[in-house]
Each structure stands twice: as structure tokens, then as C-alpha cells.
Amino acid sequence: MNVSLTNDLAELVRRKVESGLYASASEVIRDALRLLAQQDHLNAIREEELRKQIAQGVRSAEEGPLIDGDEAFDRLEARIRQLEQERPGE
């Protein structure tokens, strides 16, 4: 298999080999591909978790009453102001 790299990527591979961390350019590329596979796996896990959270939110919306986002924000701001006023010594 032949792979063409940009000048910047080729320089990065060269520096990694010169650093002594890798014995060859092939080792650098293999390690980079392993990291890419790990990243893909983590992204798939994150995507699945996000899908689960969205499904949970949809179920929650279907089962219970919903409030307007602005109303929820107003309630939150009011609660923060209330807590700020209740702080002792201020």
C-alpha cells in the first residue's frame, strides 16, 4: 500500500522517527491509525449515549407536562436571585 502525505504530515512523521519514539515511518502511521480507530470508537459511544438521552427526553416529554423554555429560564433566574438574597452576611 502506498500513501501520499502532505509535506506537513511527512515532516511530522519524520520528526517522530527522529525523536526515537518510533523506529520507522510505518510505526508512526500504524500508531496514528490505532489512535484514529480509538477516536472513532469513542465517537460511536458518545453518539449512542446522545441518542439514548434524546430518546429519554422524548419519552419524558410524552409522559409529562412540558414548560416553555423561556418560562423555565425565568424560573431559574428568579431562583438564583432568591438564593443571592438569602446569603448570610451579605
PDB file of N, CA and C in Angstrom:
ATOM      1  N   MET A   1       0.854  -1.179   0.000  1.00  0.00           N
ATOM      2  CA  MET A   1       0.000   0.000   0.000  1.00  0.00           C
ATOM      3  C   MET A   1       0.892   1.231   0.000  1.00  0.00           C
ATOM      4  N   ASN A   2       0.602   2.141  -0.866  1.00  0.00           N
ATOM      5  CA  ASN A   2       1.311   3.418  -0.924  1.00  0.00           C
ATOM      6  C   ASN A   2       0.373   4.506  -0.422  1.00  0.00           C
ATOM      7  N   VAL A   3       0.946   5.413   0.338  1.00  0.00           N
ATOM      8  CA  VAL A   3       0.169   6.516   0.877  1.00  0.00           C
ATOM      9  C   VAL A   3       0.901   7.813   0.568  1.00  0.00           C
ATOM     10  N   SER A   4       0.163   8.778   0.074  1.00  0.00           N
ATOM     11  CA  SER A   4       0.744  10.099  -0.183  1.00  0.00           C
ATOM     12  C   SER A   4       0.390  11.016   0.974  1.00  0.00           C
ATOM     13  N   LEU A   5       1.386  11.713   1.478  1.00  0.00           N
ATOM     14  CA  LEU A   5       1.185  12.643   2.589  1.00  0.00           C
ATOM     15  C   LEU A   5       1.499  14.061   2.133  1.00  0.00           C
ATOM     16  N   THR A   6       0.833  14.999   2.754  1.00  0.00           N
ATOM     17  CA  THR A   6       1.198  16.395   2.523  1.00  0.00           C
ATOM     18  C   THR A   6       2.598  16.613   3.081  1.00  0.00           C
ATOM     19  N   ASN A   7       3.222  17.689   2.678  1.00  0.00           N
ATOM     20  CA  ASN A   7       4.566  17.990   3.194  1.00  0.00           C
ATOM     21  C   ASN A   7       4.561  18.119   4.710  1.00  0.00           C
ATOM     22  N   ASP A   8       3.509  18.748   5.255  1.00  0.00           N
ATOM     23  CA  ASP A   8       3.434  18.929   6.713  1.00  0.00           C
ATOM     24  C   ASP A   8       3.327  17.586   7.428  1.00  0.00           C
ATOM     25  N   LEU A   9       2.507  16.686   6.900  1.00  0.00           N
ATOM     26  CA  LEU A   9       2.361  15.380   7.542  1.00  0.00           C
ATOM     27  C   LEU A   9       3.631  14.544   7.404  1.00  0.00           C
ATOM     28  N   ALA A  10       4.268  14.616   6.250  1.00  0.00           N
ATOM     29  CA  ALA A  10       5.527  13.896   6.058  1.00  0.00           C
ATOM     30  C   ALA A  10       6.584  14.399   7.035  1.00  0.00           C
ATOM     31  N   GLU A  11       6.613  15.702   7.246  1.00  0.00           N
ATOM     32  CA  GLU A  11       7.559  16.285   8.207  1.00  0.00           C
ATOM     33  C   GLU A  11       7.245  15.820   9.621  1.00  0.00           C
ATOM     34  N   LEU A  12       5.978  15.743   9.967  1.00  0.00           N
ATOM     35  CA  LEU A  12       5.587  15.252  11.290  1.00  0.00           C
ATOM     36  C   LEU A  12       6.054  13.811  11.483  1.00  0.00           C
ATOM     37  N   VAL A  13       5.838  12.979  10.494  1.00  0.00           N
ATOM     38  CA  VAL A  13       6.285  11.583  10.572  1.00  0.00           C
ATOM     39  C   VAL A  13       7.802  11.537  10.728  1.00  0.00           C
ATOM     40  N   ARG A  14       8.514  12.316   9.936  1.00  0.00           N
ATOM     41  CA  ARG A  14       9.977  12.343  10.015  1.00  0.00           C
ATOM     42  C   ARG A  14      10.454  12.739  11.403  1.00  0.00           C
ATOM     43  N   ARG A  15       9.832  13.779  11.975  1.00  0.00           N
ATOM     44  CA  ARG A  15      10.217  14.240  13.327  1.00  0.00           C
ATOM     45  C   ARG A  15       9.946  13.161  14.371  1.00  0.00           C
ATOM     46  N   LYS A  16       8.841  12.455  14.242  1.00  0.00           N
ATOM     47  CA  LYS A  16       8.522  11.388  15.205  1.00  0.00           C
ATOM     48  C   LYS A  16       9.576  10.285  15.154  1.00  0.00           C
ATOM     49  N   VAL A  17      10.001   9.917  13.949  1.00  0.00           N
ATOM     50  CA  VAL A  17      11.033   8.888  13.818  1.00  0.00           C
ATOM     51  C   VAL A  17      12.356   9.408  14.381  1.00  0.00           C
ATOM     52  N   GLU A  18      12.707  10.641  14.042  1.00  0.00           N
ATOM     53  CA  GLU A  18      13.967  11.220  14.539  1.00  0.00           C
ATOM     54  C   GLU A  18      13.976  11.367  16.054  1.00  0.00           C
ATOM     55  N   SER A  19      12.810  11.494  16.663  1.00  0.00           N
ATOM     56  CA  SER A  19      12.745  11.645  18.121  1.00  0.00           C
ATOM     57  C   SER A  19      13.146  10.370  18.842  1.00  0.00           C
ATOM     58  N   GLY A  20      13.130   9.263  18.112  1.00  0.00           N
ATOM     59  CA  GLY A  20      13.466   7.988  18.732  1.00  0.00           C
ATOM     60  C   GLY A  20      12.264   7.249  19.298  1.00  0.00           C
ATOM     61  N   LEU A  21      11.102   7.882  19.277  1.00  0.00           N
ATOM     62  CA  LEU A  21       9.899   7.224  19.793  1.00  0.00           C
ATOM     63  C   LEU A  21       9.421   6.112  18.858  1.00  0.00           C
ATOM     64  N   TYR A  22       9.766   6.225  17.586  1.00  0.00           N
ATOM     65  CA  TYR A  22       9.361   5.245  16.583  1.00  0.00           C
ATOM     66  C   TYR A  22      10.585   4.821  15.786  1.00  0.00           C
ATOM     67  N   ALA A  23      10.620   3.551  15.405  1.00  0.00           N
ATOM     68  CA  ALA A  23      11.753   3.032  14.635  1.00  0.00           C
ATOM     69  C   ALA A  23      11.602   3.308  13.147  1.00  0.00           C
ATOM     70  N   SER A  24      10.363   3.548  12.697  1.00  0.00           N
ATOM     71  CA  SER A  24      10.160   3.763  11.267  1.00  0.00           C
ATOM     72  C   SER A  24       8.898   4.586  11.031  1.00  0.00           C
ATOM     73  N   ALA A  25       8.791   5.075   9.802  1.00  0.00           N
ATOM     74  CA  ALA A  25       7.595   5.812   9.415  1.00  0.00           C
ATOM     75  C   ALA A  25       6.369   4.911   9.499  1.00  0.00           C
ATOM     76  N   SER A  26       6.523   3.634   9.184  1.00  0.00           N
ATOM     77  CA  SER A  26       5.402   2.694   9.260  1.00  0.00           C
ATOM     78  C   SER A  26       4.852   2.607  10.676  1.00  0.00           C
ATOM     79  N   GLU A  27       5.737   2.600  11.665  1.00  0.00           N
ATOM     80  CA  GLU A  27       5.280   2.562  13.056  1.00  0.00           C
ATOM     81  C   GLU A  27       4.472   3.803  13.402  1.00  0.00           C
ATOM     82  N   VAL A  28       4.909   4.957  12.930  1.00  0.00           N
ATOM     83  CA  VAL A  28       4.181   6.205  13.187  1.00  0.00           C
ATOM     84  C   VAL A  28       2.784   6.111  12.590  1.00  0.00           C
ATOM     85  N   ILE A  29       2.693   5.665  11.352  1.00  0.00           N
ATOM     86  CA  ILE A  29       1.406   5.577  10.663  1.00  0.00           C
ATOM     87  C   ILE A  29       0.504   4.554  11.354  1.00  0.00           C
ATOM     88  N   ARG A  30       1.058   3.396  11.732  1.00  0.00           N
ATOM     89  CA  ARG A  30       0.246   2.382  12.435  1.00  0.00           C
ATOM     90  C   ARG A  30      -0.304   2.937  13.740  1.00  0.00           C
ATOM     91  N   ASP A  31       0.557   3.651  14.494  1.00  0.00           N
ATOM     92  CA  ASP A  31       0.108   4.219  15.762  1.00  0.00           C
ATOM     93  C   ASP A  31      -0.977   5.272  15.522  1.00  0.00           C
ATOM     94  N   ALA A  32      -0.785   6.084  14.489  1.00  0.00           N
ATOM     95  CA  ALA A  32      -1.790   7.106  14.156  1.00  0.00           C
ATOM     96  C   ALA A  32      -3.115   6.456  13.782  1.00  0.00           C
ATOM     97  N   LEU A  33      -3.075   5.368  13.030  1.00  0.00           N
ATOM     98  CA  LEU A  33      -4.309   4.677  12.643  1.00  0.00           C
ATOM     99  C   LEU A  33      -4.987   4.022  13.840  1.00  0.00           C
ATOM    100  N   ARG A  34      -4.194   3.498  14.779  1.00  0.00           N
ATOM    101  CA  ARG A  34      -4.778   2.946  16.011  1.00  0.00           C
ATOM    102  C   ARG A  34      -5.499   4.044  16.793  1.00  0.00           C
ATOM    103  N   LEU A  35      -4.865   5.209  16.884  1.00  0.00           N
ATOM    104  CA  LEU A  35      -5.496   6.332  17.578  1.00  0.00           C
ATOM    105  C   LEU A  35      -6.774   6.769  16.874  1.00  0.00           C
ATOM    106  N   LEU A  36      -6.769   6.762  15.552  1.00  0.00           N
ATOM    107  CA  LEU A  36      -7.954   7.114  14.788  1.00  0.00           C
ATOM    108  C   LEU A  36      -9.071   6.106  15.053  1.00  0.00           C
ATOM    109  N   ALA A  37      -8.733   4.826  15.110  1.00  0.00           N
ATOM    110  CA  ALA A  37      -9.732   3.799  15.400  1.00  0.00           C
ATOM    111  C   ALA A  37     -10.310   3.993  16.799  1.00  0.00           C
ATOM    112  N   GLN A  38      -9.457   4.321  17.769  1.00  0.00           N
ATOM    113  CA  GLN A  38      -9.936   4.584  19.130  1.00  0.00           C
ATOM    114  C   GLN A  38     -10.871   5.786  19.153  1.00  0.00           C
ATOM    115  N   GLN A  39     -10.498   6.827  18.437  1.00  0.00           N
ATOM    116  CA  GLN A  39     -11.326   8.032  18.373  1.00  0.00           C
ATOM    117  C   GLN A  39     -12.683   7.705  17.745  1.00  0.00           C
ATOM    118  N   ASP A  40     -12.677   6.915  16.674  1.00  0.00           N
ATOM    119  CA  ASP A  40     -13.934   6.507  16.045  1.00  0.00           C
ATOM    120  C   ASP A  40     -14.808   5.724  17.023  1.00  0.00           C
ATOM    121  N   HIS A  41     -14.183   4.847  17.783  1.00  0.00           N
ATOM    122  CA  HIS A  41     -14.919   4.049  18.766  1.00  0.00           C
ATOM    123  C   HIS A  41     -15.534   4.947  19.841  1.00  0.00           C
ATOM    124  N   LEU A  42     -14.759   5.885  20.359  1.00  0.00           N
ATOM    125  CA  LEU A  42     -15.272   6.804  21.379  1.00  0.00           C
ATOM    126  C   LEU A  42     -16.394   7.677  20.827  1.00  0.00           C
ATOM    127  N   ASN A  43     -16.244   8.118  19.587  1.00  0.00           N
ATOM    128  CA  ASN A  43     -17.309   8.916  18.968  1.00  0.00           C
ATOM    129  C   ASN A  43     -18.585   8.103  18.825  1.00  0.00           C
ATOM    130  N   ALA A  44     -18.459   6.822  18.490  1.00  0.00           N
ATOM    131  CA  ALA A  44     -19.639   5.959  18.373  1.00  0.00           C
ATOM    132  C   ALA A  44     -20.313   5.788  19.731  1.00  0.00           C
ATOM    133  N   ILE A  45     -19.522   5.653  20.781  1.00  0.00           N
ATOM    134  CA  ILE A  45     -20.077   5.532  22.137  1.00  0.00           C
ATOM    135  C   ILE A  45     -20.792   6.824  22.515  1.00  0.00           C
ATOM    136  N   ARG A  46     -20.170   7.962  22.236  1.00  0.00           N
ATOM    137  CA  ARG A  46     -20.794   9.256  22.553  1.00  0.00           C
ATOM    138  C   ARG A  46     -22.096   9.439  21.778  1.00  0.00           C
ATOM    139  N   GLU A  47     -22.088   9.046  20.509  1.00  0.00           N
ATOM    140  CA  GLU A  47     -23.285   9.176  19.681  1.00  0.00           C
ATOM    141  C   GLU A  47     -24.410   8.304  20.232  1.00  0.00           C
ATOM    142  N   GLU A  48     -24.088   7.091  20.610  1.00  0.00           N
ATOM    143  CA  GLU A  48     -25.111   6.201  21.165  1.00  0.00           C
ATOM    144  C   GLU A  48     -25.668   6.768  22.471  1.00  0.00           C
ATOM    145  N   GLU A  49     -24.797   7.306  23.315  1.00  0.00           N
ATOM    146  CA  GLU A  49     -25.260   7.899  24.575  1.00  0.00           C
ATOM    147  C   GLU A  49     -26.159   9.098  24.304  1.00  0.00           C
ATOM    148  N   LEU A  50     -25.790   9.912  23.336  1.00  0.00           N
ATOM    149  CA  LEU A  50     -26.612  11.058  22.984  1.00  0.00           C
ATOM    150  C   LEU A  50     -27.974  10.607  22.472  1.00  0.00           C
ATOM    151  N   ARG A  51     -27.988   9.561  21.648  1.00  0.00           N
ATOM    152  CA  ARG A  51     -29.263   9.023  21.154  1.00  0.00           C
ATOM    153  C   ARG A  51     -30.138   8.548  22.311  1.00  0.00           C
ATOM    154  N   LYS A  52     -29.519   7.891  23.295  1.00  0.00           N
ATOM    155  CA  LYS A  52     -30.264   7.424  24.469  1.00  0.00           C
ATOM    156  C   LYS A  52     -30.854   8.606  25.244  1.00  0.00           C
ATOM    157  N   GLN A  53     -30.051   9.658  25.422  1.00  0.00           N
ATOM    158  CA  GLN A  53     -30.532  10.821  26.154  1.00  0.00           C
ATOM    159  C   GLN A  53     -31.655  11.521  25.410  1.00  0.00           C
ATOM    160  N   ILE A  54     -31.547  11.594  24.095  1.00  0.00           N
ATOM    161  CA  ILE A  54     -32.617  12.204  23.296  1.00  0.00           C
ATOM    162  C   ILE A  54     -33.889  11.377  23.421  1.00  0.00           C
ATOM    163  N   ALA A  55     -33.757  10.055  23.324  1.00  0.00           N
ATOM    164  CA  ALA A  55     -34.922   9.179  23.452  1.00  0.00           C
ATOM    165  C   ALA A  55     -35.556   9.326  24.826  1.00  0.00           C
ATOM    166  N   GLN A  56     -34.726   9.446  25.859  1.00  0.00           N
ATOM    167  CA  GLN A  56     -35.244   9.639  27.209  1.00  0.00           C
ATOM    168  C   GLN A  56     -35.999  10.968  27.305  1.00  0.00           C
ATOM    169  N   GLY A  57     -35.459  12.005  26.689  1.00  0.00           N
ATOM    170  CA  GLY A  57     -36.126  13.302  26.696  1.00  0.00           C
ATOM    171  C   GLY A  57     -37.455  13.259  25.967  1.00  0.00           C
ATOM    172  N   VAL A  58     -37.488  12.548  24.851  1.00  0.00           N
ATOM    173  CA  VAL A  58     -38.736  12.418  24.096  1.00  0.00           C
ATOM    174  C   VAL A  58     -39.764  11.664  24.928  1.00  0.00           C
ATOM    175  N   ARG A  59     -39.344  10.558  25.554  1.00  0.00           N
ATOM    176  CA  ARG A  59     -40.272   9.795  26.411  1.00  0.00           C
ATOM    177  C   ARG A  59     -40.788  10.664  27.548  1.00  0.00           C
ATOM    178  N   SER A  60     -39.899  11.425  28.152  1.00  0.00           N
ATOM    179  CA  SER A  60     -40.290  12.304  29.253  1.00  0.00           C
ATOM    180  C   SER A  60     -41.293  13.333  28.781  1.00  0.00           C
ATOM    181  N   ALA A  61     -41.069  13.883  27.594  1.00  0.00           N
ATOM    182  CA  ALA A  61     -41.987  14.881  27.046  1.00  0.00           C
ATOM    183  C   ALA A  61     -43.345  14.267  26.759  1.00  0.00           C
ATOM    184  N   GLU A  62     -43.356  13.029  26.309  1.00  0.00           N
ATOM    185  CA  GLU A  62     -44.614  12.361  26.000  1.00  0.00           C
ATOM    186  C   GLU A  62     -45.387  11.981  27.253  1.00  0.00           C
ATOM    187  N   GLU A  63     -44.670  11.757  28.347  1.00  0.00           N
ATOM    188  CA  GLU A  63     -45.314  11.286  29.577  1.00  0.00           C
ATOM    189  C   GLU A  63     -45.750  12.405  30.511  1.00  0.00           C
ATOM    190  N   GLY A  64     -45.151  13.568  30.405  1.00  0.00           N
ATOM    191  CA  GLY A  64     -45.440  14.602  31.378  1.00  0.00           C
ATOM    192  C   GLY A  64     -45.634  15.953  30.740  1.00  0.00           C
ATOM    193  N   PRO A  65     -46.027  16.902  31.561  1.00  0.00           N
ATOM    194  CA  PRO A  65     -46.256  18.248  31.033  1.00  0.00           C
ATOM    195  C   PRO A  65     -44.937  18.919  30.667  1.00  0.00           C
ATOM    196  N   LEU A  66     -44.990  19.729  29.658  1.00  0.00           N
ATOM    197  CA  LEU A  66     -43.825  20.481  29.225  1.00  0.00           C
ATOM    198  C   LEU A  66     -43.993  21.934  29.617  1.00  0.00           C
ATOM    199  N   ILE A  67     -42.872  22.594  29.867  1.00  0.00           N
ATOM    200  CA  ILE A  67     -42.925  24.026  30.122  1.00  0.00           C
ATOM    201  C   ILE A  67     -42.104  24.719  29.047  1.00  0.00           C
ATOM    202  N   ASP A  68     -42.466  25.930  28.765  1.00  0.00           N
ATOM    203  CA  ASP A  68     -41.777  26.732  27.776  1.00  0.00           C
ATOM    204  C   ASP A  68     -40.349  26.998  28.238  1.00  0.00           C
ATOM    205  N   GLY A  69     -39.407  27.008  27.302  1.00  0.00           N
ATOM    206  CA  GLY A  69     -38.013  27.244  27.645  1.00  0.00           C
ATOM    207  C   GLY A  69     -37.794  28.605  28.283  1.00  0.00           C
ATOM    208  N   ASP A  70     -38.483  29.634  27.775  1.00  0.00           N
ATOM    209  CA  ASP A  70     -38.349  30.961  28.368  1.00  0.00           C
ATOM    210  C   ASP A  70     -38.882  30.963  29.791  1.00  0.00           C
ATOM    211  N   GLU A  71     -39.988  30.256  30.010  1.00  0.00           N
ATOM    212  CA  GLU A  71     -40.563  30.170  31.356  1.00  0.00           C
ATOM    213  C   GLU A  71     -39.587  29.473  32.305  1.00  0.00           C
ATOM    214  N   ALA A  72     -38.980  28.409  31.834  1.00  0.00           N
ATOM    215  CA  ALA A  72     -38.013  27.691  32.667  1.00  0.00           C
ATOM    216  C   ALA A  72     -36.827  28.591  32.993  1.00  0.00           C
ATOM    217  N   PHE A  73     -36.344  29.348  32.007  1.00  0.00           N
ATOM    218  CA  PHE A  73     -35.231  30.256  32.230  1.00  0.00           C
ATOM    219  C   PHE A  73     -35.607  31.339  33.236  1.00  0.00           C
ATOM    220  N   ASP A  74     -36.809  31.889  33.098  1.00  0.00           N
ATOM    221  CA  ASP A  74     -37.274  32.913  34.043  1.00  0.00           C
ATOM    222  C   ASP A  74     -37.343  32.358  35.459  1.00  0.00           C
ATOM    223  N   ARG A  75     -37.834  31.134  35.585  1.00  0.00           N
ATOM    224  CA  ARG A  75     -37.884  30.497  36.915  1.00  0.00           C
ATOM    225  C   ARG A  75     -36.492  30.328  37.492  1.00  0.00           C
ATOM    226  N   LEU A  76     -35.560  29.912  36.653  1.00  0.00           N
ATOM    227  CA  LEU A  76     -34.183  29.722  37.107  1.00  0.00           C
ATOM    228  C   LEU A  76     -33.580  31.043  37.553  1.00  0.00           C
ATOM    229  N   GLU A  77     -33.768  32.086  36.788  1.00  0.00           N
ATOM    230  CA  GLU A  77     -33.244  33.398  37.169  1.00  0.00           C
ATOM    231  C   GLU A  77     -33.850  33.872  38.484  1.00  0.00           C
ATOM    232  N   ALA A  78     -35.161  33.664  38.650  1.00  0.00           N
ATOM    233  CA  ALA A  78     -35.830  34.071  39.890  1.00  0.00           C
ATOM    234  C   ALA A  78     -35.260  33.303  41.073  1.00  0.00           C
ATOM    235  N   ARG A  79     -35.010  32.012  40.885  1.00  0.00           N
ATOM    236  CA  ARG A  79     -34.462  31.190  41.968  1.00  0.00           C
ATOM    237  C   ARG A  79     -33.051  31.644  42.325  1.00  0.00           C
ATOM    238  N   ILE A  80     -32.261  31.996  41.323  1.00  0.00           N
ATOM    239  CA  ILE A  80     -30.901  32.485  41.582  1.00  0.00           C
ATOM    240  C   ILE A  80     -30.951  33.783  42.374  1.00  0.00           C
ATOM    241  N   ARG A  81     -31.833  34.696  41.955  1.00  0.00           N
ATOM    242  CA  ARG A  81     -31.969  35.960  42.703  1.00  0.00           C
ATOM    243  C   ARG A  81     -32.387  35.686  44.145  1.00  0.00           C
ATOM    244  N   GLN A  82     -33.301  34.757  44.351  1.00  0.00           N
ATOM    245  CA  GLN A  82     -33.777  34.416  45.684  1.00  0.00           C
ATOM    246  C   GLN A  82     -32.614  33.876  46.523  1.00  0.00           C
ATOM    247  N   LEU A  83     -31.822  32.995  45.960  1.00  0.00           N
ATOM    248  CA  LEU A  83     -30.688  32.442  46.701  1.00  0.00           C
ATOM    249  C   LEU A  83     -29.655  33.508  47.020  1.00  0.00           C
ATOM    250  N   GLU A  84     -29.452  34.426  46.079  1.00  0.00           N
ATOM    251  CA  GLU A  84     -28.496  35.510  46.328  1.00  0.00           C
ATOM    252  C   GLU A  84     -28.948  36.381  47.477  1.00  0.00           C
ATOM    253  N   GLN A  85     -30.256  36.635  47.597  1.00  0.00           N
ATOM    254  CA  GLN A  85     -30.787  37.454  48.673  1.00  0.00           C
ATOM    255  C   GLN A  85     -30.730  36.754  50.010  1.00  0.00           C
ATOM    256  N   GLU A  86     -30.755  35.427  49.998  1.00  0.00           N
ATOM    257  CA  GLU A  86     -30.756  34.639  51.227  1.00  0.00           C
ATOM    258  C   GLU A  86     -29.376  34.407  51.788  1.00  0.00           C
ATOM    259  N   ARG A  87     -28.318  34.803  51.080  1.00  0.00           N
ATOM    260  CA  ARG A  87     -26.957  34.562  51.542  1.00  0.00           C
ATOM    261  C   ARG A  87     -26.725  35.310  52.847  1.00  0.00           C
ATOM    262  N   PRO A  88     -26.257  34.612  53.863  1.00  0.00           N
ATOM    263  CA  PRO A  88     -25.987  35.301  55.132  1.00  0.00           C
ATOM    264  C   PRO A  88     -24.737  36.183  55.019  1.00  0.00           C
ATOM    265  N   GLY A  89     -24.802  37.306  55.717  1.00  0.00           N
ATOM    266  CA  GLY A  89     -23.628  38.182  55.791  1.00  0.00           C
ATOM    267  C   GLY A  89     -23.441  39.069  54.588  1.00  0.00           C
ATOM    268  N   GLU A  90     -24.399  39.110  53.708  1.00  0.00           N
ATOM    269  CA  GLU A  90     -24.239  39.990  52.543  1.00  0.00           C
ATOM    270  C   GLU A  90     -25.280  41.064  52.547  1.00  0.00           C
TER     271      GLU A  90
END
